[in-house]
């Protein structure tokens, strides 16, 4: 099976990529929301696909998925100037 050079490598449903690409770590959304609230972030509104949180004058969006990839959780914490949860 040949893979097109411009297309990303196929991924399995369990967050594990093909051999040689590593494992994608995920965390639960409610764990991230508890962490944000504990550090002073406030829920502004709930959208149909995202929740909007604010701390001071900084805002960020959290997708409404059960699991969130660690890189996205790290970016959300960075947007609100908070320490990463893990």
Protein backbone atom coordinates (compact mmCIF):
# COMPACT_ATOMS: atom_id res chain seq x y z
CA UNK A 1 0.00 0.00 0.00
CA UNK A 2 1.53 3.29 -1.05
CA UNK A 3 0.71 6.52 0.73
CA UNK A 4 0.47 9.77 -1.19
CA UNK A 5 3.37 12.04 -0.14
CA UNK A 6 1.11 15.05 0.55
CA UNK A 7 -1.58 13.24 2.52
CA UNK A 8 -1.20 12.66 6.28
CA UNK A 9 -0.56 9.15 7.51
CA UNK A 10 -3.75 7.21 8.28
CA UNK A 11 -4.73 7.09 11.94
CA UNK A 12 -6.68 4.52 13.88
CA UNK A 13 -9.83 5.27 15.89
CA UNK A 14 -8.08 4.92 19.25
CA UNK A 15 -5.79 7.92 18.92
CA UNK A 16 -2.77 5.78 18.08
CA UNK A 17 -1.13 6.61 14.82
CA UNK A 18 0.58 4.19 12.48
CA UNK A 19 3.89 2.66 13.64
CA UNK A 20 6.60 5.26 14.05
CA UNK A 21 4.28 8.22 14.68
CA UNK A 22 3.79 7.95 18.48
CA UNK A 23 0.70 8.07 20.67
CA UNK A 24 -1.71 10.99 20.90
CA UNK A 25 -2.63 11.66 24.55
CA UNK A 26 -6.10 12.90 25.44
CA UNK A 27 -7.81 14.20 28.55
CA UNK A 28 -11.45 14.44 29.57
CA UNK A 29 -13.20 17.76 28.90
CA UNK A 30 -14.69 17.98 32.40
CA UNK A 31 -11.20 17.60 33.90
CA UNK A 32 -10.00 20.59 31.84
CA UNK A 33 -13.09 22.67 32.75
CA UNK A 34 -12.55 21.99 36.48
CA UNK A 35 -8.91 23.04 36.12
CA UNK A 36 -9.88 26.31 34.38
CA UNK A 37 -12.52 27.17 37.02
CA UNK A 38 -10.11 26.33 39.85
CA UNK A 39 -7.63 28.87 38.44
CA UNK A 40 -10.18 31.67 38.06
CA UNK A 41 -11.53 31.29 34.53
CA UNK A 42 -15.23 32.07 34.10
CA UNK A 43 -17.67 30.48 31.67
CA UNK A 44 -19.07 33.28 29.50
CA UNK A 45 -21.45 31.33 27.28
CA UNK A 46 -22.22 27.92 25.85
CA UNK A 47 -22.36 27.66 22.08
CA UNK A 48 -23.62 24.69 20.12
CA UNK A 49 -20.08 23.48 19.43
CA UNK A 50 -17.85 25.39 21.86
CA UNK A 51 -17.84 26.85 25.37
CA UNK A 52 -16.27 30.28 25.79
CA UNK A 53 -14.14 30.90 28.90
CA UNK A 54 -12.58 34.17 30.05
CA UNK A 55 -9.97 35.15 32.60
CA UNK A 56 -9.33 38.86 32.86
CA UNK A 57 -9.37 40.18 29.30
CA UNK A 58 -8.29 36.85 27.76
CA UNK A 59 -10.84 34.56 26.08
CA UNK A 60 -10.64 31.09 24.59
CA UNK A 61 -12.92 28.40 23.19
CA UNK A 62 -13.22 24.81 24.37
CA UNK A 63 -14.75 22.28 21.96
CA UNK A 64 -17.67 20.20 23.21
CA UNK A 65 -15.98 16.82 22.76
CA UNK A 66 -15.70 14.27 25.56
CA UNK A 67 -11.95 14.04 25.06
CA UNK A 68 -9.54 16.83 24.15
CA UNK A 69 -6.05 16.26 22.76
CA UNK A 70 -3.29 17.36 25.17
CA UNK A 71 -1.80 19.82 22.67
CA UNK A 72 -5.14 21.64 22.44
CA UNK A 73 -5.55 21.62 26.24
CA UNK A 74 -2.05 23.11 26.55
CA UNK A 75 -2.99 25.83 24.02
CA UNK A 76 -6.22 26.62 25.91
CA UNK A 77 -4.30 27.00 29.19
CA UNK A 78 -1.70 29.18 27.44
CA UNK A 79 -4.45 31.41 25.98
CA UNK A 80 -5.75 32.09 29.50
CA UNK A 81 -2.24 32.36 30.99
CA UNK A 82 -2.77 29.31 33.24
CA UNK A 83 -0.47 26.40 34.08
CA UNK A 84 -1.05 23.21 32.11
CA UNK A 85 -3.21 20.68 33.92
CA UNK A 86 -0.80 17.67 33.69
